[in-house]
Amino acid sequence: MSLPIPESHRDLFTRPIHGVLTTLMPDGQPQSSLIWCDFDGETVSVNTTCERQKGKNMRHNPNVSLLVVDPEDTSRYIEIRGDVEIIFDNAIAHLDRVTRKYTSHPEFYGFVYPKEKMERETRIICLIHARKITLDAIHR
């Protein structure tokens, strides 16, 4: 079970705002990536591949932190710390939905990224189960 995303900050996941996902390298060092995120009304998710460093890191260690800052008011933010559940099913459909949220393109492969790369990647949905949520002090 995941902690609920506070209503006051849900728009940070429904609007096309980039987040910073921090994962842990095998040696314990943090690795941060600028990401697109999705929200199903309960759980925040990101989409990546098993071959990218963040995907490798999350498969090795599911502990993550996600920080999203409101670009219209940079003192307003949410940080989610939790663990990731990796889902393989429907990962490309999920990626295409997120692509439409963040861009004007109908699909990721062939529009944002070369179509031929799709065959060399294993897409995954990373559901973030929130264990701790931190909000900015001003907008709580």
C-alpha atoms as a PDB file:
ATOM      1  CA  MET A   1       0.000   0.000   0.000  1.00  0.00           C
ATOM      2  CA  SER A   2       1.194   3.456  -0.911  1.00  0.00           C
ATOM      3  CA  LEU A   3       0.706   6.746   0.929  1.00  0.00           C
ATOM      4  CA  PRO A   4      -1.818   8.953  -0.896  1.00  0.00           C
ATOM      5  CA  ILE A   5      -0.596  11.915  -2.907  1.00  0.00           C
ATOM      6  CA  PRO A   6      -2.050  15.012  -1.196  1.00  0.00           C
ATOM      7  CA  GLU A   7      -4.801  16.696  -3.194  1.00  0.00           C
ATOM      8  CA  SER A   8      -2.923  20.006  -2.828  1.00  0.00           C
ATOM      9  CA  HIS A   9      -0.036  18.722  -4.976  1.00  0.00           C
ATOM     10  CA  ARG A  10      -1.684  16.240  -7.364  1.00  0.00           C
ATOM     11  CA  ASP A  11      -1.581  18.756 -10.198  1.00  0.00           C
ATOM     12  CA  LEU A  12       2.224  18.414 -10.215  1.00  0.00           C
ATOM     13  CA  PHE A  13       1.670  14.904 -11.606  1.00  0.00           C
ATOM     14  CA  THR A  14      -1.300  15.584 -13.867  1.00  0.00           C
ATOM     15  CA  ARG A  15       0.374  18.539 -15.619  1.00  0.00           C
ATOM     16  CA  PRO A  16       3.310  17.843 -17.965  1.00  0.00           C
ATOM     17  CA  ILE A  17       5.996  18.773 -15.430  1.00  0.00           C
ATOM     18  CA  HIS A  18       9.349  17.012 -15.435  1.00  0.00           C
ATOM     19  CA  GLY A  19      10.527  15.330 -12.266  1.00  0.00           C
ATOM     20  CA  VAL A  20      13.906  14.247 -10.970  1.00  0.00           C
ATOM     21  CA  LEU A  21      14.088  10.542 -10.177  1.00  0.00           C
ATOM     22  CA  THR A  22      16.971   9.441  -7.967  1.00  0.00           C
ATOM     23  CA  THR A  23      17.962   5.793  -7.899  1.00  0.00           C
ATOM     24  CA  LEU A  24      20.908   4.051  -6.274  1.00  0.00           C
ATOM     25  CA  MET A  25      23.870   2.682  -8.208  1.00  0.00           C
ATOM     26  CA  PRO A  26      25.192  -0.763  -7.176  1.00  0.00           C
ATOM     27  CA  ASP A  27      27.982   0.971  -5.222  1.00  0.00           C
ATOM     28  CA  GLY A  28      25.409   3.035  -3.273  1.00  0.00           C
ATOM     29  CA  GLN A  29      26.006   6.323  -5.096  1.00  0.00           C
ATOM     30  CA  PRO A  30      22.863   8.256  -6.103  1.00  0.00           C
ATOM     31  CA  GLN A  31      22.016   8.664  -9.779  1.00  0.00           C
ATOM     32  CA  SER A  32      19.441  11.264 -10.832  1.00  0.00           C
ATOM     33  CA  SER A  33      17.504  11.495 -14.085  1.00  0.00           C
ATOM     34  CA  LEU A  34      15.115  14.061 -15.479  1.00  0.00           C
ATOM     35  CA  ILE A  35      11.918  12.115 -16.233  1.00  0.00           C
ATOM     36  CA  TRP A  36       8.328  12.273 -17.398  1.00  0.00           C
ATOM     37  CA  CYS A  37       5.887  10.962 -14.822  1.00  0.00           C
ATOM     38  CA  ASP A  38       2.350   9.651 -14.818  1.00  0.00           C
ATOM     39  CA  PHE A  39      -0.357   9.512 -12.162  1.00  0.00           C
ATOM     40  CA  ASP A  40      -3.326   7.128 -12.185  1.00  0.00           C
ATOM     41  CA  GLY A  41      -5.159   8.842  -9.335  1.00  0.00           C
ATOM     42  CA  GLU A  42      -3.344   6.795  -6.707  1.00  0.00           C
ATOM     43  CA  THR A  43       0.179   5.893  -7.777  1.00  0.00           C
ATOM     44  CA  VAL A  44       2.893   7.850  -9.546  1.00  0.00           C
ATOM     45  CA  SER A  45       4.808   5.986 -12.225  1.00  0.00           C
ATOM     46  CA  VAL A  46       7.666   6.482 -14.634  1.00  0.00           C
ATOM     47  CA  ASN A  47       8.519   4.603 -17.796  1.00  0.00           C
ATOM     48  CA  THR A  48      12.041   3.537 -18.712  1.00  0.00           C
ATOM     49  CA  THR A  49      13.935   0.525 -20.024  1.00  0.00           C
ATOM     50  CA  CYS A  50      15.770  -2.336 -18.372  1.00  0.00           C
ATOM     51  CA  GLU A  51      18.836  -1.248 -20.331  1.00  0.00           C
ATOM     52  CA  ARG A  52      19.053   2.351 -19.061  1.00  0.00           C
ATOM     53  CA  GLN A  53      20.982   3.032 -15.872  1.00  0.00           C
ATOM     54  CA  LYS A  54      17.913   4.021 -13.845  1.00  0.00           C
ATOM     55  CA  GLY A  55      16.181   0.812 -14.968  1.00  0.00           C
ATOM     56  CA  LYS A  56      19.185  -1.292 -13.982  1.00  0.00           C
ATOM     57  CA  ASN A  57      19.388   0.520 -10.648  1.00  0.00           C
ATOM     58  CA  MET A  58      15.704   0.023  -9.805  1.00  0.00           C
ATOM     59  CA  ARG A  59      15.861  -3.678 -10.680  1.00  0.00           C
ATOM     60  CA  HIS A  60      18.867  -4.019  -8.351  1.00  0.00           C
ATOM     61  CA  ASN A  61      17.512  -1.758  -5.562  1.00  0.00           C
ATOM     62  CA  PRO A  62      13.868  -0.583  -5.649  1.00  0.00           C
ATOM     63  CA  ASN A  63      14.394   2.411  -3.317  1.00  0.00           C
ATOM     64  CA  VAL A  64      13.857   5.725  -5.101  1.00  0.00           C
ATOM     65  CA  SER A  65      13.149   9.379  -4.549  1.00  0.00           C
ATOM     66  CA  LEU A  66      11.100  11.521  -6.931  1.00  0.00           C
ATOM     67  CA  LEU A  67      11.168  15.321  -6.737  1.00  0.00           C
ATOM     68  CA  VAL A  68       8.749  17.466  -8.732  1.00  0.00           C
ATOM     69  CA  VAL A  69       8.959  21.273  -8.564  1.00  0.00           C
ATOM     70  CA  ASP A  70       6.181  23.558  -9.800  1.00  0.00           C
ATOM     71  CA  PRO A  71       7.729  25.601 -12.644  1.00  0.00           C
ATOM     72  CA  GLU A  72       5.259  28.432 -11.969  1.00  0.00           C
ATOM     73  CA  ASP A  73       6.239  28.665  -8.282  1.00  0.00           C
ATOM     74  CA  THR A  74       9.592  27.025  -7.591  1.00  0.00           C
ATOM     75  CA  SER A  75       9.054  27.125  -3.826  1.00  0.00           C
ATOM     76  CA  ARG A  76       6.199  24.615  -4.318  1.00  0.00           C
ATOM     77  CA  TYR A  77       7.301  20.989  -4.587  1.00  0.00           C
ATOM     78  CA  ILE A  78       6.660  17.410  -3.601  1.00  0.00           C
ATOM     79  CA  GLU A  79       9.192  14.704  -2.842  1.00  0.00           C
ATOM     80  CA  ILE A  80       8.157  11.075  -2.765  1.00  0.00           C
ATOM     81  CA  ARG A  81      10.426   8.464  -1.235  1.00  0.00           C
ATOM     82  CA  GLY A  82       9.469   4.890  -1.709  1.00  0.00           C
ATOM     83  CA  ASP A  83      10.055   1.667  -3.503  1.00  0.00           C
ATOM     84  CA  VAL A  84       9.338   0.692  -7.059  1.00  0.00           C
ATOM     85  CA  GLU A  85       7.234  -2.135  -8.408  1.00  0.00           C
ATOM     86  CA  ILE A  86       8.298  -3.008 -11.952  1.00  0.00           C
ATOM     87  CA  ILE A  87       5.589  -3.856 -14.475  1.00  0.00           C
ATOM     88  CA  PHE A  88       6.337  -5.205 -17.962  1.00  0.00           C
ATOM     89  CA  ASP A  89       2.770  -5.481 -19.293  1.00  0.00           C
ATOM     90  CA  ASN A  90       1.486  -2.611 -21.458  1.00  0.00           C
ATOM     91  CA  ALA A  91       4.688  -0.594 -21.007  1.00  0.00           C
ATOM     92  CA  ILE A  92       4.684   0.729 -24.592  1.00  0.00           C
ATOM     93  CA  ALA A  93       1.024   1.770 -24.389  1.00  0.00           C
ATOM     94  CA  HIS A  94       1.846   3.549 -21.115  1.00  0.00           C
ATOM     95  CA  LEU A  95       4.850   5.242 -22.741  1.00  0.00           C
ATOM     96  CA  ASP A  96       2.713   6.426 -25.653  1.00  0.00           C
ATOM     97  CA  ARG A  97       0.116   7.871 -23.262  1.00  0.00           C
ATOM     98  CA  VAL A  98       2.827   9.760 -21.364  1.00  0.00           C
ATOM     99  CA  THR A  99       4.342  10.905 -24.673  1.00  0.00           C
ATOM    100  CA  ARG A 100       0.999  12.484 -25.624  1.00  0.00           C
ATOM    101  CA  LYS A 101       0.921  14.216 -22.226  1.00  0.00           C
ATOM    102  CA  TYR A 102       4.408  15.738 -22.589  1.00  0.00           C
ATOM    103  CA  THR A 103       4.618  16.285 -26.358  1.00  0.00           C
ATOM    104  CA  SER A 104       2.436  16.813 -29.408  1.00  0.00           C
ATOM    105  CA  HIS A 105       3.411  13.377 -30.761  1.00  0.00           C
ATOM    106  CA  PRO A 106       1.056  10.366 -30.893  1.00  0.00           C
ATOM    107  CA  GLU A 107       3.757   7.793 -30.052  1.00  0.00           C
ATOM    108  CA  PHE A 108       7.227   7.657 -28.550  1.00  0.00           C
ATOM    109  CA  TYR A 109       8.975   5.377 -31.029  1.00  0.00           C
ATOM    110  CA  GLY A 110       9.146   6.887 -34.491  1.00  0.00           C
ATOM    111  CA  PHE A 111       8.460  10.406 -33.237  1.00  0.00           C
ATOM    112  CA  VAL A 112      10.507  11.168 -30.116  1.00  0.00           C
ATOM    113  CA  TYR A 113      12.967   8.298 -30.427  1.00  0.00           C
ATOM    114  CA  PRO A 114      13.985   6.209 -33.465  1.00  0.00           C
ATOM    115  CA  LYS A 115      11.570   3.354 -34.229  1.00  0.00           C
ATOM    116  CA  GLU A 116      14.424   0.851 -34.687  1.00  0.00           C
ATOM    117  CA  LYS A 117      15.491   1.333 -31.041  1.00  0.00           C
ATOM    118  CA  MET A 118      12.225  -0.258 -29.860  1.00  0.00           C
ATOM    119  CA  GLU A 119      13.440  -3.749 -30.762  1.00  0.00           C
ATOM    120  CA  ARG A 120      16.589  -3.308 -28.657  1.00  0.00           C
ATOM    121  CA  GLU A 121      14.875  -2.071 -25.502  1.00  0.00           C
ATOM    122  CA  THR A 122      12.724  -3.715 -22.847  1.00  0.00           C
ATOM    123  CA  ARG A 123      10.231  -1.115 -21.633  1.00  0.00           C
ATOM    124  CA  ILE A 124       9.051  -1.120 -18.023  1.00  0.00           C
ATOM    125  CA  ILE A 125       6.550   0.829 -15.959  1.00  0.00           C
ATOM    126  CA  CYS A 126       7.926   1.718 -12.538  1.00  0.00           C
ATOM    127  CA  LEU A 127       5.117   2.208 -10.007  1.00  0.00           C
ATOM    128  CA  ILE A 128       6.396   4.239  -7.064  1.00  0.00           C
ATOM    129  CA  HIS A 129       4.874   3.102  -3.784  1.00  0.00           C
ATOM    130  CA  ALA A 130       5.184   6.181  -1.572  1.00  0.00           C
ATOM    131  CA  ARG A 131       6.522   5.468   1.921  1.00  0.00           C
ATOM    132  CA  LYS A 132       7.297   9.114   2.798  1.00  0.00           C
ATOM    133  CA  ILE A 133       5.949  12.286   1.203  1.00  0.00           C
ATOM    134  CA  THR A 134       7.463  15.701   1.837  1.00  0.00           C
ATOM    135  CA  LEU A 135       5.771  18.929   0.747  1.00  0.00           C
ATOM    136  CA  ASP A 136       7.123  22.427   0.744  1.00  0.00           C
ATOM    137  CA  ALA A 137       6.402  24.269   3.992  1.00  0.00           C
ATOM    138  CA  ILE A 138       4.636  27.204   2.331  1.00  0.00           C
ATOM    139  CA  HIS A 139       1.911  25.379   0.397  1.00  0.00           C
ATOM    140  CA  ARG A 140       0.963  22.502   2.713  1.00  0.00           C
END
